[in-house]
Amino acid sequence: MQNIKDTVKEVVYAILPLSLVVIILQYTIIGMPMETFLQFIVGIIMVSVGLILFLLGVHIGLLPIGEMIGAALPKMGKAWLVVFFGFLLGFVATIAEPDVRVLAMQVDFVSDGIISSSILIYTVALGVAIFVGLAMLRIILNVPITYLLVGGYGLVFLLAAFTPAHFVPISFDAGGVTTGPMTVPFILALGVGVASVLKGKSASTDGFGLVALASIGPILAVLVLGVIYG
């Protein structure tokens, strides 16, 4: 019950400032049609209810199962299984990410269907999956995350020089939308679970950094897509 109350407070505190700003602008500067304003109010209510239910689902289901899967995989004694399932879970979690779908629809609309939403979604998902797999391998092999971050972003800037200019901002937005409410909780829980059962690993140091690495993947994937389209 306390968890429900805390979740409701968290959502209200997150949405209330935006709602107040829009209401103030409505009655001072904008003056949008009342029908549109009422649609906004209804939308805010629906978003609030949806976020409450979603966050409760994350705490009840996604976080525990992510940690359990992460803790179970290393016990099988096969590193390739940890990497493979990290890849697979990163892929399916990104496909389910609502932020990715919003970006894909906007790009599809602006490009008049030249870059279809499905192509962009699967490209971003593949980039995240590859780097989640690399993140799992990093935990197993104890590779410093600094090396991967520097190497990854170095490759990003190198590819950006050969990619059409309009793909560069899309690629960085793709890296941002993957850090959404669906992908982040699951990937973080997975990494913490893996690090918690491996000898010599610390869940607080080795289990984090996955989201930073995962966000590089879609940037590189979209840049490669730009090279192909270009």
C-alpha atoms as a PDB file:
ATOM      1  CA  MET A   1       0.000   0.000   0.000  1.00  0.00           C
ATOM      2  CA  GLN A   2       2.846   2.367   0.855  1.00  0.00           C
ATOM      3  CA  ASN A   3       4.438   1.581  -2.503  1.00  0.00           C
ATOM      4  CA  ILE A   4       1.228   2.664  -4.270  1.00  0.00           C
ATOM      5  CA  LYS A   5       1.105   5.943  -2.328  1.00  0.00           C
ATOM      6  CA  ASP A   6       4.763   6.688  -3.096  1.00  0.00           C
ATOM      7  CA  THR A   7       4.217   5.948  -6.796  1.00  0.00           C
ATOM      8  CA  VAL A   8       1.161   8.223  -6.960  1.00  0.00           C
ATOM      9  CA  LYS A   9       3.115  11.052  -5.290  1.00  0.00           C
ATOM     10  CA  GLU A  10       6.038  10.539  -7.677  1.00  0.00           C
ATOM     11  CA  VAL A  11       3.780  10.778 -10.752  1.00  0.00           C
ATOM     12  CA  VAL A  12       1.864  13.796  -9.426  1.00  0.00           C
ATOM     13  CA  TYR A  13       5.075  15.673  -8.622  1.00  0.00           C
ATOM     14  CA  ALA A  14       6.411  14.850 -12.114  1.00  0.00           C
ATOM     15  CA  ILE A  15       3.328  15.914 -14.099  1.00  0.00           C
ATOM     16  CA  LEU A  16       1.975  18.770 -11.982  1.00  0.00           C
ATOM     17  CA  PRO A  17       4.623  21.411 -12.928  1.00  0.00           C
ATOM     18  CA  LEU A  18       4.087  20.851 -16.661  1.00  0.00           C
ATOM     19  CA  SER A  19       0.318  20.962 -16.249  1.00  0.00           C
ATOM     20  CA  LEU A  20       0.463  24.217 -14.286  1.00  0.00           C
ATOM     21  CA  VAL A  21       2.703  25.891 -16.867  1.00  0.00           C
ATOM     22  CA  VAL A  22       0.353  24.933 -19.714  1.00  0.00           C
ATOM     23  CA  ILE A  23      -2.700  26.122 -17.739  1.00  0.00           C
ATOM     24  CA  ILE A  24      -1.021  29.460 -16.982  1.00  0.00           C
ATOM     25  CA  LEU A  25      -0.053  29.898 -20.643  1.00  0.00           C
ATOM     26  CA  GLN A  26      -3.598  29.009 -21.702  1.00  0.00           C
ATOM     27  CA  TYR A  27      -5.144  31.825 -19.677  1.00  0.00           C
ATOM     28  CA  THR A  28      -2.398  34.418 -20.227  1.00  0.00           C
ATOM     29  CA  ILE A  29      -0.756  34.075 -23.657  1.00  0.00           C
ATOM     30  CA  ILE A  30      -1.891  31.179 -25.836  1.00  0.00           C
ATOM     31  CA  GLY A  31      -5.661  31.073 -25.501  1.00  0.00           C
ATOM     32  CA  MET A  32      -6.065  27.809 -27.426  1.00  0.00           C
ATOM     33  CA  PRO A  33      -9.608  26.602 -28.284  1.00  0.00           C
ATOM     34  CA  MET A  34     -11.429  25.161 -25.297  1.00  0.00           C
ATOM     35  CA  GLU A  35     -11.861  21.820 -27.072  1.00  0.00           C
ATOM     36  CA  THR A  36      -8.092  21.493 -27.480  1.00  0.00           C
ATOM     37  CA  PHE A  37      -7.496  22.533 -23.876  1.00  0.00           C
ATOM     38  CA  LEU A  38      -9.990  19.948 -22.608  1.00  0.00           C
ATOM     39  CA  GLN A  39      -8.210  17.302 -24.701  1.00  0.00           C
ATOM     40  CA  PHE A  40      -5.001  18.302 -22.936  1.00  0.00           C
ATOM     41  CA  ILE A  41      -6.638  17.892 -19.496  1.00  0.00           C
ATOM     42  CA  VAL A  42      -8.030  14.473 -20.445  1.00  0.00           C
ATOM     43  CA  GLY A  43      -4.636  13.480 -21.826  1.00  0.00           C
ATOM     44  CA  ILE A  44      -2.900  14.517 -18.600  1.00  0.00           C
ATOM     45  CA  ILE A  45      -5.318  12.384 -16.564  1.00  0.00           C
ATOM     46  CA  MET A  46      -4.772   9.375 -18.841  1.00  0.00           C
ATOM     47  CA  VAL A  47      -0.991   9.813 -18.760  1.00  0.00           C
ATOM     48  CA  SER A  48      -1.040  10.059 -14.955  1.00  0.00           C
ATOM     49  CA  VAL A  49      -3.070   6.866 -14.558  1.00  0.00           C
ATOM     50  CA  GLY A  50      -0.927   5.075 -17.128  1.00  0.00           C
ATOM     51  CA  LEU A  51       2.338   6.119 -15.467  1.00  0.00           C
ATOM     52  CA  ILE A  52       1.111   5.030 -12.048  1.00  0.00           C
ATOM     53  CA  LEU A  53       0.165   1.586 -13.363  1.00  0.00           C
ATOM     54  CA  PHE A  54       3.383   1.348 -15.380  1.00  0.00           C
ATOM     55  CA  LEU A  55       5.684   2.243 -12.483  1.00  0.00           C
ATOM     56  CA  LEU A  56       3.872  -0.194 -10.211  1.00  0.00           C
ATOM     57  CA  GLY A  57       4.393  -2.858 -12.857  1.00  0.00           C
ATOM     58  CA  VAL A  58       8.102  -2.014 -13.041  1.00  0.00           C
ATOM     59  CA  HIS A  59       8.539  -2.410  -9.276  1.00  0.00           C
ATOM     60  CA  ILE A  60       6.386  -5.522  -9.046  1.00  0.00           C
ATOM     61  CA  GLY A  61       7.497  -7.359 -12.176  1.00  0.00           C
ATOM     62  CA  LEU A  62      10.322  -5.946 -14.313  1.00  0.00           C
ATOM     63  CA  LEU A  63      12.937  -5.206 -11.649  1.00  0.00           C
ATOM     64  CA  PRO A  64      12.616  -8.506  -9.738  1.00  0.00           C
ATOM     65  CA  ILE A  65      12.545 -10.688 -12.861  1.00  0.00           C
ATOM     66  CA  GLY A  66      15.465  -8.784 -14.390  1.00  0.00           C
ATOM     67  CA  GLU A  67      17.606  -9.384 -11.308  1.00  0.00           C
ATOM     68  CA  MET A  68      16.540 -13.046 -11.144  1.00  0.00           C
ATOM     69  CA  ILE A  69      17.441 -13.652 -14.795  1.00  0.00           C
ATOM     70  CA  GLY A  70      20.743 -11.825 -14.356  1.00  0.00           C
ATOM     71  CA  ALA A  71      21.585 -13.889 -11.271  1.00  0.00           C
ATOM     72  CA  ALA A  72      20.570 -17.204 -12.885  1.00  0.00           C
ATOM     73  CA  LEU A  73      22.489 -16.908 -16.172  1.00  0.00           C
ATOM     74  CA  PRO A  74      26.087 -16.867 -14.764  1.00  0.00           C
ATOM     75  CA  LYS A  75      25.311 -19.954 -12.667  1.00  0.00           C
ATOM     76  CA  MET A  76      25.027 -21.967 -15.894  1.00  0.00           C
ATOM     77  CA  GLY A  77      28.790 -21.575 -16.286  1.00  0.00           C
ATOM     78  CA  LYS A  78      28.726 -20.471 -19.929  1.00  0.00           C
ATOM     79  CA  ALA A  79      29.729 -16.920 -20.734  1.00  0.00           C
ATOM     80  CA  TRP A  80      28.228 -17.038 -24.224  1.00  0.00           C
ATOM     81  CA  LEU A  81      24.784 -17.671 -22.735  1.00  0.00           C
ATOM     82  CA  VAL A  82      25.049 -14.520 -20.606  1.00  0.00           C
ATOM     83  CA  VAL A  83      26.102 -12.485 -23.654  1.00  0.00           C
ATOM     84  CA  PHE A  84      23.456 -14.044 -25.898  1.00  0.00           C
ATOM     85  CA  PHE A  85      20.560 -13.485 -23.519  1.00  0.00           C
ATOM     86  CA  GLY A  86      21.827  -9.974 -22.779  1.00  0.00           C
ATOM     87  CA  PHE A  87      21.678  -9.363 -26.552  1.00  0.00           C
ATOM     88  CA  LEU A  88      18.219 -10.930 -26.859  1.00  0.00           C
ATOM     89  CA  LEU A  89      16.694  -9.137 -23.870  1.00  0.00           C
ATOM     90  CA  GLY A  90      18.176  -5.813 -24.956  1.00  0.00           C
ATOM     91  CA  PHE A  91      16.605  -6.291 -28.390  1.00  0.00           C
ATOM     92  CA  VAL A  92      13.084  -7.156 -27.245  1.00  0.00           C
ATOM     93  CA  ALA A  93      13.065  -4.540 -24.460  1.00  0.00           C
ATOM     94  CA  THR A  94      13.963  -1.810 -26.964  1.00  0.00           C
ATOM     95  CA  ILE A  95      11.252  -2.890 -29.395  1.00  0.00           C
ATOM     96  CA  ALA A  96       8.754  -2.511 -26.550  1.00  0.00           C
ATOM     97  CA  GLU A  97      10.115   0.926 -25.598  1.00  0.00           C
ATOM     98  CA  PRO A  98       7.413   3.562 -26.260  1.00  0.00           C
ATOM     99  CA  ASP A  99       9.942   6.405 -26.676  1.00  0.00           C
ATOM    100  CA  VAL A 100      11.590   4.562 -29.567  1.00  0.00           C
ATOM    101  CA  ARG A 101       8.241   4.188 -31.321  1.00  0.00           C
ATOM    102  CA  VAL A 102       7.499   7.906 -30.945  1.00  0.00           C
ATOM    103  CA  LEU A 103      10.853   8.799 -32.528  1.00  0.00           C
ATOM    104  CA  ALA A 104      10.322   6.253 -35.322  1.00  0.00           C
ATOM    105  CA  MET A 105       6.869   7.644 -36.149  1.00  0.00           C
ATOM    106  CA  GLN A 106       8.186  11.208 -36.249  1.00  0.00           C
ATOM    107  CA  VAL A 107      11.104  10.265 -38.519  1.00  0.00           C
ATOM    108  CA  ASP A 108       8.747   8.288 -40.776  1.00  0.00           C
ATOM    109  CA  PHE A 109       6.444  11.313 -41.019  1.00  0.00           C
ATOM    110  CA  VAL A 110       9.194  13.869 -41.694  1.00  0.00           C
ATOM    111  CA  SER A 111      10.938  11.666 -44.271  1.00  0.00           C
ATOM    112  CA  ASP A 112       7.654  10.875 -46.078  1.00  0.00           C
ATOM    113  CA  GLY A 113       8.148   7.178 -45.431  1.00  0.00           C
ATOM    114  CA  ILE A 114      11.668   6.986 -46.888  1.00  0.00           C
ATOM    115  CA  ILE A 115      12.928   5.916 -43.451  1.00  0.00           C
ATOM    116  CA  SER A 116      10.092   3.699 -42.297  1.00  0.00           C
ATOM    117  CA  SER A 117       9.282   3.413 -38.611  1.00  0.00           C
ATOM    118  CA  SER A 118       9.863  -0.358 -38.594  1.00  0.00           C
ATOM    119  CA  ILE A 119      13.363  -0.036 -40.086  1.00  0.00           C
ATOM    120  CA  LEU A 120      14.348   2.579 -37.522  1.00  0.00           C
ATOM    121  CA  ILE A 121      12.891   0.593 -34.598  1.00  0.00           C
ATOM    122  CA  TYR A 122      14.745  -2.600 -35.535  1.00  0.00           C
ATOM    123  CA  THR A 123      17.952  -0.676 -36.255  1.00  0.00           C
ATOM    124  CA  VAL A 124      17.862   1.002 -32.844  1.00  0.00           C
ATOM    125  CA  ALA A 125      16.950  -2.292 -31.152  1.00  0.00           C
ATOM    126  CA  LEU A 126      19.874  -4.064 -32.836  1.00  0.00           C
ATOM    127  CA  GLY A 127      22.287  -1.364 -31.703  1.00  0.00           C
ATOM    128  CA  VAL A 128      21.077  -1.595 -28.107  1.00  0.00           C
ATOM    129  CA  ALA A 129      21.202  -5.403 -28.197  1.00  0.00           C
ATOM    130  CA  ILE A 130      24.804  -5.515 -29.408  1.00  0.00           C
ATOM    131  CA  PHE A 131      26.010  -3.133 -26.723  1.00  0.00           C
ATOM    132  CA  VAL A 132      24.034  -4.839 -23.938  1.00  0.00           C
ATOM    133  CA  GLY A 133      25.764  -8.051 -24.992  1.00  0.00           C
ATOM    134  CA  LEU A 134      29.117  -6.218 -24.874  1.00  0.00           C
ATOM    135  CA  ALA A 135      28.197  -4.851 -21.439  1.00  0.00           C
ATOM    136  CA  MET A 136      27.572  -8.397 -20.190  1.00  0.00           C
ATOM    137  CA  LEU A 137      30.943  -9.446 -21.594  1.00  0.00           C
ATOM    138  CA  ARG A 138      32.563  -6.444 -19.909  1.00  0.00           C
ATOM    139  CA  ILE A 139      31.263  -7.574 -16.529  1.00  0.00           C
ATOM    140  CA  ILE A 140      32.523 -11.127 -17.069  1.00  0.00           C
ATOM    141  CA  LEU A 141      35.979 -10.120 -18.358  1.00  0.00           C
ATOM    142  CA  ASN A 142      36.305  -7.180 -15.955  1.00  0.00           C
ATOM    143  CA  VAL A 143      37.080  -4.691 -18.750  1.00  0.00           C
ATOM    144  CA  PRO A 144      37.108  -1.063 -17.519  1.00  0.00           C
ATOM    145  CA  ILE A 145      34.006   0.747 -18.776  1.00  0.00           C
ATOM    146  CA  THR A 146      36.127   3.803 -19.646  1.00  0.00           C
ATOM    147  CA  TYR A 147      37.750   1.935 -22.525  1.00  0.00           C
ATOM    148  CA  LEU A 148      34.410   0.984 -24.038  1.00  0.00           C
ATOM    149  CA  LEU A 149      32.926   4.461 -23.622  1.00  0.00           C
ATOM    150  CA  VAL A 150      35.928   6.226 -25.157  1.00  0.00           C
ATOM    151  CA  GLY A 151      36.165   3.692 -27.985  1.00  0.00           C
ATOM    152  CA  GLY A 152      32.422   3.787 -28.630  1.00  0.00           C
ATOM    153  CA  TYR A 153      32.120   7.561 -28.798  1.00  0.00           C
ATOM    154  CA  GLY A 154      35.333   7.781 -30.813  1.00  0.00           C
ATOM    155  CA  LEU A 155      33.691   5.511 -33.381  1.00  0.00           C
ATOM    156  CA  VAL A 156      30.544   7.659 -33.222  1.00  0.00           C
ATOM    157  CA  PHE A 157      32.412  10.833 -34.173  1.00  0.00           C
ATOM    158  CA  LEU A 158      34.344   8.973 -36.867  1.00  0.00           C
ATOM    159  CA  LEU A 159      31.157   7.633 -38.467  1.00  0.00           C
ATOM    160  CA  ALA A 160      29.457  11.031 -38.183  1.00  0.00           C
ATOM    161  CA  ALA A 161      31.983  12.408 -40.661  1.00  0.00           C
ATOM    162  CA  PHE A 162      30.771   9.955 -43.320  1.00  0.00           C
ATOM    163  CA  THR A 163      27.044  10.094 -42.577  1.00  0.00           C
ATOM    164  CA  PRO A 164      24.556  12.505 -44.223  1.00  0.00           C
ATOM    165  CA  ALA A 165      24.048  15.516 -41.968  1.00  0.00           C
ATOM    166  CA  HIS A 166      20.354  14.867 -41.302  1.00  0.00           C
ATOM    167  CA  PHE A 167      21.110  11.424 -39.848  1.00  0.00           C
ATOM    168  CA  VAL A 168      23.440  12.761 -37.138  1.00  0.00           C
ATOM    169  CA  PRO A 169      20.770  14.437 -34.944  1.00  0.00           C
ATOM    170  CA  ILE A 170      18.447  11.454 -35.460  1.00  0.00           C
ATOM    171  CA  SER A 171      21.179   9.109 -34.249  1.00  0.00           C
ATOM    172  CA  PHE A 172      21.763  11.043 -31.025  1.00  0.00           C
ATOM    173  CA  ASP A 173      18.023  11.242 -30.395  1.00  0.00           C
ATOM    174  CA  ALA A 174      17.931   7.480 -30.912  1.00  0.00           C
ATOM    175  CA  GLY A 175      20.523   7.118 -28.161  1.00  0.00           C
ATOM    176  CA  GLY A 176      18.376   9.261 -25.880  1.00  0.00           C
ATOM    177  CA  VAL A 177      15.048   7.522 -26.406  1.00  0.00           C
ATOM    178  CA  THR A 178      16.494   4.128 -25.525  1.00  0.00           C
ATOM    179  CA  THR A 179      16.975   5.369 -21.954  1.00  0.00           C
ATOM    180  CA  GLY A 180      13.216   5.164 -21.473  1.00  0.00           C
ATOM    181  CA  PRO A 181      10.945   3.643 -18.834  1.00  0.00           C
ATOM    182  CA  MET A 182      10.889   0.167 -20.369  1.00  0.00           C
ATOM    183  CA  THR A 183      14.524  -0.439 -21.297  1.00  0.00           C
ATOM    184  CA  VAL A 184      16.361   1.171 -18.379  1.00  0.00           C
ATOM    185  CA  PRO A 185      14.783  -0.719 -15.442  1.00  0.00           C
ATOM    186  CA  PHE A 186      15.218  -4.092 -17.110  1.00  0.00           C
ATOM    187  CA  ILE A 187      18.792  -3.559 -18.307  1.00  0.00           C
ATOM    188  CA  LEU A 188      19.909  -2.129 -14.957  1.00  0.00           C
ATOM    189  CA  ALA A 189      18.296  -4.996 -13.043  1.00  0.00           C
ATOM    190  CA  LEU A 190      19.893  -7.505 -15.419  1.00  0.00           C
ATOM    191  CA  GLY A 191      23.365  -6.039 -14.917  1.00  0.00           C
ATOM    192  CA  VAL A 192      23.016  -5.874 -11.138  1.00  0.00           C
ATOM    193  CA  GLY A 193      21.829  -9.495 -11.107  1.00  0.00           C
ATOM    194  CA  VAL A 194      24.791 -10.701 -13.183  1.00  0.00           C
ATOM    195  CA  ALA A 195      27.351  -8.781 -11.114  1.00  0.00           C
ATOM    196  CA  SER A 196      25.842  -9.917  -7.808  1.00  0.00           C
ATOM    197  CA  VAL A 197      26.636 -13.611  -8.342  1.00  0.00           C
ATOM    198  CA  LEU A 198      30.049 -13.432 -10.028  1.00  0.00           C
ATOM    199  CA  LYS A 199      33.042 -13.793  -7.743  1.00  0.00           C
ATOM    200  CA  GLY A 200      35.059 -10.637  -7.342  1.00  0.00           C
ATOM    201  CA  LYS A 201      32.280  -8.473  -8.729  1.00  0.00           C
ATOM    202  CA  SER A 202      30.406  -5.705  -6.961  1.00  0.00           C
ATOM    203  CA  ALA A 203      26.791  -5.024  -7.891  1.00  0.00           C
ATOM    204  CA  SER A 204      27.297  -1.335  -7.124  1.00  0.00           C
ATOM    205  CA  THR A 205      30.333  -0.875  -9.396  1.00  0.00           C
ATOM    206  CA  ASP A 206      30.171  -3.595 -12.063  1.00  0.00           C
ATOM    207  CA  GLY A 207      26.375  -3.708 -12.364  1.00  0.00           C
ATOM    208  CA  PHE A 208      26.019  -0.115 -13.498  1.00  0.00           C
ATOM    209  CA  GLY A 209      27.114   1.599 -16.684  1.00  0.00           C
ATOM    210  CA  LEU A 210      25.003  -0.652 -18.894  1.00  0.00           C
ATOM    211  CA  VAL A 211      22.650   2.155 -19.866  1.00  0.00           C
ATOM    212  CA  ALA A 212      25.586   4.385 -20.838  1.00  0.00           C
ATOM    213  CA  LEU A 213      26.948   1.633 -23.058  1.00  0.00           C
ATOM    214  CA  ALA A 214      23.525   0.693 -24.418  1.00  0.00           C
ATOM    215  CA  SER A 215      22.904   4.283 -25.535  1.00  0.00           C
ATOM    216  CA  ILE A 216      25.999   4.183 -27.752  1.00  0.00           C
ATOM    217  CA  GLY A 217      24.632   1.235 -29.734  1.00  0.00           C
ATOM    218  CA  PRO A 218      21.636   2.973 -31.345  1.00  0.00           C
ATOM    219  CA  ILE A 219      23.755   6.043 -32.196  1.00  0.00           C
ATOM    220  CA  LEU A 220      26.204   3.861 -34.105  1.00  0.00           C
ATOM    221  CA  ALA A 221      23.409   1.801 -35.674  1.00  0.00           C
ATOM    222  CA  VAL A 222      21.560   4.859 -37.019  1.00  0.00           C
ATOM    223  CA  LEU A 223      24.815   6.384 -38.279  1.00  0.00           C
ATOM    224  CA  VAL A 224      25.533   3.147 -40.181  1.00  0.00           C
ATOM    225  CA  LEU A 225      21.965   3.297 -41.502  1.00  0.00           C
ATOM    226  CA  GLY A 226      22.712   6.834 -42.678  1.00  0.00           C
ATOM    227  CA  VAL A 227      25.828   5.642 -44.513  1.00  0.00           C
ATOM    228  CA  ILE A 228      23.729   2.972 -46.238  1.00  0.00           C
ATOM    229  CA  TYR A 229      20.958   5.415 -47.204  1.00  0.00           C
ATOM    230  CA  GLY A 230      23.493   8.049 -48.177  1.00  0.00           C
END
